[in-house]
């Protein structure tokens, strides 16, 4: 004779925060932003062998207005940085970013003036996936870590990032 027997049918015992976070976690729509060789591994993760459809992510969105997860895979040049920032700004809230690969995370082996030394110089990054290039299994693990992070988020306003860049001049 437990508490379960005294609860009428049709009542959910949870919080609104848990339901909202579960729905956000279960319906992430990624904006695939493949810039270099890591993009091939990202594409493989969406194929039938690794099957990201089990997470509700079988279709990458072509429009940032329909996506809430940006996967930046590959090196980001200084010419491409304003485009990445613009696409990120066009995504609706809440939004998340995964930096896939050494180049997207830290610039990788390309330490020169033409490439950003990490996409986190222009947009906030939630999950970093190491490797050159990382395997599709690593991307799946990164997505699962992001799901854990989303489930712990508060419904109160997320803190806005203070990421700024001298690359992007706004007048």
N, C-alpha and C. Protein backbone atom coordinates (compact mmCIF):
# COMPACT_ATOMS: atom_id res chain seq x y z
N UNK A 1 0.85 -1.17 0.00
CA UNK A 1 0.00 0.00 0.00
C UNK A 1 0.90 1.23 0.00
N UNK A 2 1.11 1.77 -1.19
CA UNK A 2 1.96 2.94 -1.34
C UNK A 2 1.17 4.16 -1.74
N UNK A 3 1.88 5.21 -1.94
CA UNK A 3 1.29 6.48 -2.34
C UNK A 3 0.67 6.38 -3.73
N UNK A 4 1.22 5.52 -4.58
CA UNK A 4 0.75 5.39 -5.95
C UNK A 4 -0.72 4.99 -6.02
N UNK A 5 -1.20 4.24 -5.06
CA UNK A 5 -2.58 3.77 -5.08
C UNK A 5 -3.58 4.88 -4.77
N UNK A 6 -3.12 5.94 -4.13
CA UNK A 6 -4.02 7.03 -3.74
C UNK A 6 -4.04 8.17 -4.75
N UNK A 7 -3.23 8.09 -5.79
CA UNK A 7 -3.19 9.15 -6.79
C UNK A 7 -4.20 8.84 -7.88
N UNK A 8 -5.10 9.77 -8.19
CA UNK A 8 -6.07 9.52 -9.25
C UNK A 8 -5.39 9.45 -10.61
N UNK A 9 -6.07 8.76 -11.55
CA UNK A 9 -5.53 8.65 -12.91
C UNK A 9 -5.52 10.01 -13.57
N UNK A 10 -4.52 10.23 -14.43
CA UNK A 10 -4.46 11.47 -15.20
C UNK A 10 -3.68 12.57 -14.52
N UNK A 11 -3.04 12.31 -13.41
CA UNK A 11 -2.24 13.35 -12.74
C UNK A 11 -0.77 13.01 -12.94
N UNK A 12 -0.03 14.01 -13.39
CA UNK A 12 1.40 13.84 -13.56
C UNK A 12 2.12 14.38 -12.34
N UNK A 13 3.07 13.63 -11.86
CA UNK A 13 3.87 14.09 -10.73
C UNK A 13 5.25 14.50 -11.22
N UNK A 14 5.34 15.72 -11.68
CA UNK A 14 6.60 16.27 -12.14
C UNK A 14 6.48 17.78 -12.11
N UNK A 15 7.54 18.45 -12.49
CA UNK A 15 7.50 19.90 -12.54
C UNK A 15 7.43 20.34 -14.00
N UNK A 16 6.97 21.55 -14.21
CA UNK A 16 6.91 22.11 -15.55
C UNK A 16 8.32 22.19 -16.14
N UNK A 17 9.28 22.53 -15.30
CA UNK A 17 10.66 22.64 -15.74
C UNK A 17 11.18 21.32 -16.32
N UNK A 18 10.87 20.21 -15.67
CA UNK A 18 11.33 18.91 -16.16
C UNK A 18 10.66 18.55 -17.47
N UNK A 19 9.38 18.85 -17.61
CA UNK A 19 8.66 18.54 -18.85
C UNK A 19 9.19 19.38 -20.00
N UNK A 20 9.40 20.66 -19.76
CA UNK A 20 9.91 21.55 -20.81
C UNK A 20 11.32 21.13 -21.21
N UNK A 21 12.19 20.85 -20.23
CA UNK A 21 13.55 20.44 -20.55
C UNK A 21 13.57 19.10 -21.29
N UNK A 22 12.68 18.19 -20.91
CA UNK A 22 12.59 16.91 -21.61
C UNK A 22 12.18 17.13 -23.07
N UNK A 23 11.22 18.02 -23.29
CA UNK A 23 10.77 18.27 -24.66
C UNK A 23 11.86 18.97 -25.48
N UNK A 24 12.60 19.87 -24.86
CA UNK A 24 13.71 20.52 -25.56
C UNK A 24 14.80 19.51 -25.91
N UNK A 25 15.10 18.64 -24.98
CA UNK A 25 16.12 17.62 -25.19
C UNK A 25 15.71 16.65 -26.29
N UNK A 26 14.45 16.32 -26.33
CA UNK A 26 13.97 15.29 -27.24
C UNK A 26 13.66 15.80 -28.64
N UNK A 27 13.73 17.09 -28.84
CA UNK A 27 13.39 17.61 -30.17
C UNK A 27 14.39 18.67 -30.64
N UNK A 28 15.67 18.43 -30.41
CA UNK A 28 16.68 19.37 -30.92
C UNK A 28 16.79 19.23 -32.42
N UNK A 29 16.79 20.36 -33.08
CA UNK A 29 16.94 20.38 -34.53
C UNK A 29 18.27 21.04 -34.86
N UNK A 30 19.21 20.27 -35.39
CA UNK A 30 20.54 20.82 -35.61
C UNK A 30 20.67 21.61 -36.91
N UNK A 31 21.50 22.61 -36.85
CA UNK A 31 21.93 23.36 -38.03
C UNK A 31 23.34 22.88 -38.31
N UNK A 32 23.48 22.02 -39.28
CA UNK A 32 24.80 21.49 -39.59
C UNK A 32 25.63 22.54 -40.29
N UNK A 33 26.75 22.88 -39.72
CA UNK A 33 27.59 23.91 -40.30
C UNK A 33 28.97 23.30 -40.51
N UNK A 34 29.09 22.51 -41.55
CA UNK A 34 30.34 21.83 -41.84
C UNK A 34 31.27 22.71 -42.64
N UNK A 35 32.44 22.97 -42.09
CA UNK A 35 33.39 23.87 -42.73
C UNK A 35 34.63 23.17 -43.25
N UNK A 36 34.90 21.97 -42.82
CA UNK A 36 36.12 21.28 -43.26
C UNK A 36 35.93 19.78 -43.10
N UNK A 37 37.03 19.08 -42.90
CA UNK A 37 37.01 17.61 -42.89
C UNK A 37 36.15 17.03 -41.77
N UNK A 38 35.94 17.73 -40.68
CA UNK A 38 35.07 17.23 -39.61
C UNK A 38 33.63 17.08 -40.08
N UNK A 39 33.28 17.81 -41.11
CA UNK A 39 31.90 17.74 -41.61
C UNK A 39 31.57 16.35 -42.15
N UNK A 40 32.57 15.65 -42.69
CA UNK A 40 32.32 14.30 -43.19
C UNK A 40 31.93 13.38 -42.04
N UNK A 41 32.62 13.51 -40.91
CA UNK A 41 32.29 12.69 -39.75
C UNK A 41 30.92 13.08 -39.18
N UNK A 42 30.58 14.36 -39.24
CA UNK A 42 29.25 14.80 -38.79
C UNK A 42 28.17 14.20 -39.68
N UNK A 43 28.40 14.20 -40.98
CA UNK A 43 27.44 13.62 -41.92
C UNK A 43 27.28 12.13 -41.65
N UNK A 44 28.38 11.45 -41.35
CA UNK A 44 28.31 10.01 -41.04
C UNK A 44 27.45 9.75 -39.81
N UNK A 45 27.48 10.66 -38.85
CA UNK A 45 26.68 10.47 -37.63
C UNK A 45 25.19 10.51 -37.94
N UNK A 46 24.81 11.20 -39.01
CA UNK A 46 23.40 11.27 -39.40
C UNK A 46 22.99 10.12 -40.29
N UNK A 47 23.95 9.32 -40.74
CA UNK A 47 23.65 8.19 -41.62
C UNK A 47 23.08 7.03 -40.81
N UNK A 48 22.65 6.00 -41.53
CA UNK A 48 21.95 4.88 -40.88
C UNK A 48 22.82 4.08 -39.92
N UNK A 49 24.13 4.06 -40.12
CA UNK A 49 24.98 3.25 -39.24
C UNK A 49 25.00 3.79 -37.81
N UNK A 50 25.02 5.11 -37.66
CA UNK A 50 25.07 5.70 -36.32
C UNK A 50 23.71 6.24 -35.89
N UNK A 51 22.87 6.65 -36.82
CA UNK A 51 21.44 6.90 -36.61
C UNK A 51 21.12 7.91 -35.51
N UNK A 52 21.33 9.17 -35.83
CA UNK A 52 20.93 10.22 -34.88
C UNK A 52 19.42 10.40 -34.83
N UNK A 53 18.68 9.66 -35.66
CA UNK A 53 17.22 9.74 -35.63
C UNK A 53 16.67 9.25 -34.30
N UNK A 54 17.42 8.42 -33.60
CA UNK A 54 16.94 7.95 -32.29
C UNK A 54 16.87 9.07 -31.27
N UNK A 55 17.53 10.20 -31.57
CA UNK A 55 17.46 11.38 -30.70
C UNK A 55 16.50 12.42 -31.25
N UNK A 56 15.79 12.10 -32.32
CA UNK A 56 14.88 13.07 -32.93
C UNK A 56 15.60 14.09 -33.78
N UNK A 57 16.80 13.75 -34.27
CA UNK A 57 17.63 14.70 -35.00
C UNK A 57 17.93 14.22 -36.41
N UNK A 58 16.99 13.53 -37.05
CA UNK A 58 17.31 12.92 -38.33
C UNK A 58 17.46 13.92 -39.47
N UNK A 59 16.96 15.12 -39.33
CA UNK A 59 17.03 16.09 -40.40
C UNK A 59 17.79 17.32 -39.91
N UNK A 60 18.87 17.65 -40.61
CA UNK A 60 19.55 18.91 -40.28
C UNK A 60 18.80 20.03 -40.99
N UNK A 61 18.66 21.12 -40.32
CA UNK A 61 17.90 22.24 -40.85
C UNK A 61 18.80 23.11 -41.73
N UNK A 62 18.25 23.60 -42.80
CA UNK A 62 18.99 24.49 -43.70
C UNK A 62 18.82 25.95 -43.28
N UNK A 63 17.83 26.21 -42.46
CA UNK A 63 17.56 27.57 -42.03
C UNK A 63 17.85 27.71 -40.54
N UNK A 64 18.57 28.74 -40.13
CA UNK A 64 18.83 28.92 -38.70
C UNK A 64 17.57 29.24 -37.91
N UNK A 65 16.53 29.69 -38.57
CA UNK A 65 15.28 30.03 -37.88
C UNK A 65 14.50 28.79 -37.47
N UNK A 66 14.90 27.63 -37.98
CA UNK A 66 14.24 26.38 -37.62
C UNK A 66 15.13 25.49 -36.76
N UNK A 67 16.30 25.96 -36.39
CA UNK A 67 17.26 25.13 -35.67
C UNK A 67 17.50 25.70 -34.27
N UNK A 68 17.83 24.82 -33.34
CA UNK A 68 18.20 25.27 -32.00
C UNK A 68 19.53 24.71 -31.54
N UNK A 69 20.22 23.96 -32.40
CA UNK A 69 21.54 23.41 -32.10
C UNK A 69 22.43 23.65 -33.30
N UNK A 70 23.51 24.39 -33.10
CA UNK A 70 24.48 24.61 -34.17
C UNK A 70 25.68 23.71 -33.91
N UNK A 71 26.00 22.87 -34.88
CA UNK A 71 27.18 22.02 -34.79
C UNK A 71 28.21 22.62 -35.73
N UNK A 72 29.22 23.26 -35.17
CA UNK A 72 30.29 23.85 -35.98
C UNK A 72 31.38 22.80 -36.10
N UNK A 73 31.56 22.28 -37.31
CA UNK A 73 32.55 21.23 -37.51
C UNK A 73 33.57 21.70 -38.54
N UNK A 74 34.77 21.94 -38.06
CA UNK A 74 35.85 22.36 -38.94
C UNK A 74 36.40 23.72 -38.55
N UNK A 75 37.38 24.14 -39.29
CA UNK A 75 38.06 25.40 -38.98
C UNK A 75 37.22 26.58 -39.46
N UNK A 76 37.27 27.65 -38.68
CA UNK A 76 36.51 28.86 -38.99
C UNK A 76 37.49 29.95 -39.40
N UNK A 77 37.40 30.38 -40.63
CA UNK A 77 38.28 31.45 -41.10
C UNK A 77 37.74 32.80 -40.64
N UNK A 78 38.58 33.79 -40.69
CA UNK A 78 38.16 35.13 -40.29
C UNK A 78 37.11 35.69 -41.25
N UNK A 79 37.15 35.26 -42.49
CA UNK A 79 36.11 35.69 -43.44
C UNK A 79 34.78 35.02 -43.15
N UNK A 80 34.81 33.80 -42.62
CA UNK A 80 33.58 33.06 -42.34
C UNK A 80 33.00 33.43 -40.97
N UNK A 81 33.79 34.01 -40.09
CA UNK A 81 33.35 34.33 -38.73
C UNK A 81 32.09 35.20 -38.69
N UNK A 82 31.97 36.26 -39.49
CA UNK A 82 30.72 37.04 -39.45
C UNK A 82 29.49 36.23 -39.88
N UNK A 83 29.68 35.28 -40.79
CA UNK A 83 28.57 34.45 -41.24
C UNK A 83 28.12 33.52 -40.12
N UNK A 84 29.09 32.91 -39.43
CA UNK A 84 28.76 32.03 -38.30
C UNK A 84 28.02 32.81 -37.23
N UNK A 85 28.50 34.00 -36.92
CA UNK A 85 27.87 34.85 -35.91
C UNK A 85 26.46 35.25 -36.32
N UNK A 86 26.28 35.60 -37.60
CA UNK A 86 24.96 35.98 -38.10
C UNK A 86 23.98 34.82 -38.01
N UNK A 87 24.41 33.64 -38.40
CA UNK A 87 23.54 32.47 -38.32
C UNK A 87 23.18 32.15 -36.87
N UNK A 88 24.15 32.28 -35.98
CA UNK A 88 23.87 32.05 -34.56
C UNK A 88 22.85 33.05 -34.04
N UNK A 89 23.01 34.31 -34.42
CA UNK A 89 22.08 35.35 -33.96
C UNK A 89 20.66 35.13 -34.50
N UNK A 90 20.53 34.48 -35.65
CA UNK A 90 19.22 34.25 -36.25
C UNK A 90 18.50 33.05 -35.65
N UNK A 91 19.21 32.24 -34.88
CA UNK A 91 18.57 31.07 -34.27
C UNK A 91 17.69 31.52 -33.11
N UNK A 92 16.51 30.90 -32.94
CA UNK A 92 15.64 31.29 -31.83
C UNK A 92 16.18 30.76 -30.49
N UNK A 93 15.79 31.41 -29.43
CA UNK A 93 16.16 30.96 -28.08
C UNK A 93 15.25 29.84 -27.65
N UNK A 94 15.64 28.91 -26.87
CA UNK A 94 17.01 28.64 -26.43
C UNK A 94 17.80 27.97 -27.54
N UNK A 95 19.10 28.21 -27.57
CA UNK A 95 19.96 27.65 -28.60
C UNK A 95 21.25 27.17 -27.96
N UNK A 96 21.82 26.16 -28.61
CA UNK A 96 23.03 25.54 -28.09
C UNK A 96 24.03 25.39 -29.22
N UNK A 97 25.32 25.27 -28.86
CA UNK A 97 26.39 25.15 -29.85
C UNK A 97 27.32 24.02 -29.44
N UNK A 98 27.66 23.19 -30.42
CA UNK A 98 28.68 22.15 -30.25
C UNK A 98 29.83 22.51 -31.18
N UNK A 99 31.05 22.59 -30.62
CA UNK A 99 32.26 22.79 -31.42
C UNK A 99 32.86 21.42 -31.66
N UNK A 100 32.81 20.95 -32.90
CA UNK A 100 33.25 19.60 -33.23
C UNK A 100 34.62 19.64 -33.87
N UNK A 101 35.58 19.02 -33.22
CA UNK A 101 36.92 18.91 -33.76
C UNK A 101 37.88 19.92 -33.15
N UNK A 102 39.15 19.63 -33.33
CA UNK A 102 40.19 20.49 -32.76
C UNK A 102 40.19 21.87 -33.39
N UNK A 103 39.89 21.95 -34.68
CA UNK A 103 39.90 23.26 -35.35
C UNK A 103 38.79 24.18 -34.86
N UNK A 104 37.60 23.64 -34.69
CA UNK A 104 36.49 24.46 -34.20
C UNK A 104 36.68 24.81 -32.73
N UNK A 105 37.36 23.95 -31.99
CA UNK A 105 37.54 24.18 -30.56
C UNK A 105 38.69 25.12 -30.25
N UNK A 106 39.85 24.90 -30.91
CA UNK A 106 41.05 25.67 -30.55
C UNK A 106 41.85 26.17 -31.74
N UNK A 107 41.39 25.93 -32.94
CA UNK A 107 42.17 26.29 -34.12
C UNK A 107 43.00 25.14 -34.65
N UNK A 108 43.13 24.09 -33.86
CA UNK A 108 43.86 22.91 -34.28
C UNK A 108 45.32 23.20 -34.59
N UNK A 109 45.81 22.59 -35.64
CA UNK A 109 47.22 22.77 -36.03
C UNK A 109 47.42 24.04 -36.84
N UNK A 110 46.34 24.74 -37.14
CA UNK A 110 46.42 25.94 -37.97
C UNK A 110 46.51 27.18 -37.10
N UNK A 111 47.71 27.49 -36.66
CA UNK A 111 47.92 28.67 -35.83
C UNK A 111 48.43 29.80 -36.73
N UNK A 112 47.50 30.44 -37.44
CA UNK A 112 47.89 31.54 -38.32
C UNK A 112 46.84 32.64 -38.29
N UNK A 113 47.12 33.70 -38.98
CA UNK A 113 46.26 34.89 -38.95
C UNK A 113 44.92 34.68 -39.62
N UNK A 114 44.80 33.72 -40.52
CA UNK A 114 43.59 33.57 -41.32
C UNK A 114 42.48 32.82 -40.61
N UNK A 115 42.79 32.07 -39.55
CA UNK A 115 41.80 31.23 -38.89
C UNK A 115 41.60 31.64 -37.45
N UNK A 116 40.34 31.52 -37.00
CA UNK A 116 40.04 31.76 -35.59
C UNK A 116 40.65 30.65 -34.75
N UNK A 117 41.12 30.97 -33.61
CA UNK A 117 41.65 29.97 -32.70
C UNK A 117 40.54 29.51 -31.77
N UNK A 118 39.48 29.01 -32.36
CA UNK A 118 38.31 28.54 -31.63
C UNK A 118 37.09 29.36 -31.95
N UNK A 119 35.98 28.69 -32.20
CA UNK A 119 34.73 29.38 -32.53
C UNK A 119 34.17 30.11 -31.31
N UNK A 120 34.67 29.75 -30.12
CA UNK A 120 34.18 30.42 -28.91
C UNK A 120 34.64 31.87 -28.81
N UNK A 121 35.43 32.32 -29.75
CA UNK A 121 35.81 33.74 -29.80
C UNK A 121 34.66 34.61 -30.29
N UNK A 122 33.69 33.99 -30.99
CA UNK A 122 32.59 34.78 -31.55
C UNK A 122 31.22 34.36 -31.04
N UNK A 123 31.06 33.09 -30.67
CA UNK A 123 29.77 32.62 -30.14
C UNK A 123 30.03 31.72 -28.93
N UNK A 124 29.09 31.66 -27.99
CA UNK A 124 29.28 30.79 -26.82
C UNK A 124 29.12 29.31 -27.21
N UNK A 125 30.00 28.48 -26.68
CA UNK A 125 29.99 27.05 -27.00
C UNK A 125 29.58 26.28 -25.75
N UNK A 126 28.66 25.32 -25.91
CA UNK A 126 28.21 24.50 -24.80
C UNK A 126 29.02 23.23 -24.65
N UNK A 127 29.34 22.57 -25.74
CA UNK A 127 30.05 21.29 -25.71
C UNK A 127 31.21 21.33 -26.70
N UNK A 128 32.38 20.91 -26.25
CA UNK A 128 33.56 20.78 -27.10
C UNK A 128 33.81 19.30 -27.35
N UNK A 129 34.02 18.94 -28.61
CA UNK A 129 34.32 17.55 -28.96
C UNK A 129 35.74 17.54 -29.54
N UNK A 130 36.68 16.89 -28.85
CA UNK A 130 38.07 16.88 -29.34
C UNK A 130 38.27 15.89 -30.48
N UNK A 131 39.40 16.01 -31.14
CA UNK A 131 39.75 15.06 -32.17
C UNK A 131 40.04 15.73 -33.49
N UNK A 132 40.76 15.02 -34.34
CA UNK A 132 41.12 15.56 -35.64
C UNK A 132 41.11 14.42 -36.65
N UNK A 133 40.03 14.14 -37.29
CA UNK A 133 38.67 14.55 -36.97
C UNK A 133 38.07 13.62 -35.92
N UNK A 134 37.12 14.10 -35.15
CA UNK A 134 36.46 13.21 -34.18
C UNK A 134 35.55 12.21 -34.89
N UNK A 135 35.42 11.06 -34.30
CA UNK A 135 34.57 10.00 -34.85
C UNK A 135 33.09 10.33 -34.62
N UNK A 136 32.20 9.76 -35.41
CA UNK A 136 30.77 9.98 -35.20
C UNK A 136 30.31 9.59 -33.79
N UNK A 137 30.94 8.57 -33.22
CA UNK A 137 30.59 8.17 -31.85
C UNK A 137 30.88 9.28 -30.86
N UNK A 138 31.93 10.06 -31.11
CA UNK A 138 32.24 11.18 -30.22
C UNK A 138 31.18 12.27 -30.34
N UNK A 139 30.69 12.52 -31.54
CA UNK A 139 29.62 13.50 -31.71
C UNK A 139 28.37 13.03 -30.97
N UNK A 140 28.06 11.75 -31.08
CA UNK A 140 26.88 11.23 -30.38
C UNK A 140 27.05 11.38 -28.87
N UNK A 141 28.26 11.11 -28.36
CA UNK A 141 28.49 11.30 -26.93
C UNK A 141 28.37 12.77 -26.53
N UNK A 142 28.87 13.66 -27.39
CA UNK A 142 28.72 15.08 -27.12
C UNK A 142 27.27 15.52 -27.10
N UNK A 143 26.46 14.96 -27.98
CA UNK A 143 25.02 15.27 -27.99
C UNK A 143 24.36 14.74 -26.73
N UNK A 144 24.78 13.56 -26.28
CA UNK A 144 24.21 13.03 -25.04
C UNK A 144 24.62 13.87 -23.84
N UNK A 145 25.84 14.40 -23.83
CA UNK A 145 26.27 15.32 -22.75
C UNK A 145 25.46 16.61 -22.81
N UNK A 146 25.17 17.08 -24.01
CA UNK A 146 24.34 18.28 -24.15
C UNK A 146 22.93 18.01 -23.64
N UNK A 147 22.40 16.81 -23.90
CA UNK A 147 21.08 16.45 -23.38
C UNK A 147 21.07 16.48 -21.86
N UNK A 148 22.13 15.97 -21.23
CA UNK A 148 22.23 16.04 -19.76
C UNK A 148 22.25 17.48 -19.28
N UNK A 149 22.97 18.33 -19.99
CA UNK A 149 23.05 19.75 -19.62
C UNK A 149 21.69 20.43 -19.76
N UNK A 150 20.98 20.12 -20.82
CA UNK A 150 19.65 20.72 -21.05
C UNK A 150 18.68 20.29 -19.95
N UNK A 151 18.75 19.04 -19.54
CA UNK A 151 17.84 18.55 -18.50
C UNK A 151 18.06 19.25 -17.16
N UNK A 152 19.25 19.81 -16.93
CA UNK A 152 19.55 20.48 -15.67
C UNK A 152 19.31 21.99 -15.72
N UNK A 153 18.94 22.52 -16.89
CA UNK A 153 18.77 23.96 -17.03
C UNK A 153 17.52 24.45 -16.32
N UNK A 154 17.58 25.68 -15.91
CA UNK A 154 16.44 26.33 -15.28
C UNK A 154 15.61 27.02 -16.34
N UNK A 155 14.32 27.16 -16.10
CA UNK A 155 13.47 27.86 -17.04
C UNK A 155 13.64 29.36 -16.97
N UNK A 156 14.28 29.82 -15.91
CA UNK A 156 14.56 31.24 -15.83
C UNK A 156 15.52 31.61 -16.95
N UNK A 157 15.60 32.85 -17.25
CA UNK A 157 16.40 33.31 -18.38
C UNK A 157 17.83 32.82 -18.27
N UNK A 158 18.30 32.20 -19.35
CA UNK A 158 19.68 31.74 -19.41
C UNK A 158 20.60 32.95 -19.41
N UNK A 159 21.74 32.86 -18.76
CA UNK A 159 22.67 33.99 -18.78
C UNK A 159 23.18 34.24 -20.18
N UNK A 160 23.12 35.48 -20.61
CA UNK A 160 23.60 35.82 -21.94
C UNK A 160 25.12 35.81 -21.95
N UNK A 161 25.66 35.37 -23.03
CA UNK A 161 27.11 35.30 -23.16
C UNK A 161 27.68 36.68 -23.34
N UNK A 162 28.87 36.84 -22.84
CA UNK A 162 29.58 38.11 -23.03
C UNK A 162 30.67 37.94 -24.07
N UNK A 163 30.47 36.99 -24.98
CA UNK A 163 31.46 36.75 -26.02
C UNK A 163 31.43 37.92 -26.98
N UNK A 164 32.55 38.53 -27.13
CA UNK A 164 32.67 39.64 -28.07
C UNK A 164 33.82 39.36 -28.99
N UNK A 165 33.89 40.10 -30.06
CA UNK A 165 34.97 39.86 -31.00
C UNK A 165 35.37 41.15 -31.68
N UNK A 166 36.66 41.41 -31.75
CA UNK A 166 37.08 42.57 -32.53
C UNK A 166 36.90 42.34 -34.03
N UNK A 167 36.60 41.07 -34.42
CA UNK A 167 36.40 40.77 -35.83
C UNK A 167 35.09 41.34 -36.35
N UNK A 168 34.11 41.41 -35.48
CA UNK A 168 32.78 41.82 -35.90
C UNK A 168 32.49 43.22 -35.42
N UNK A 169 32.56 44.14 -36.34
CA UNK A 169 32.31 45.53 -35.99
C UNK A 169 30.84 45.83 -36.23
N UNK A 170 30.16 46.32 -35.19
CA UNK A 170 28.76 46.71 -35.34
C UNK A 170 28.66 48.19 -35.05
N UNK A 171 28.20 48.93 -36.03
CA UNK A 171 28.07 50.38 -35.86
C UNK A 171 26.65 50.78 -35.65
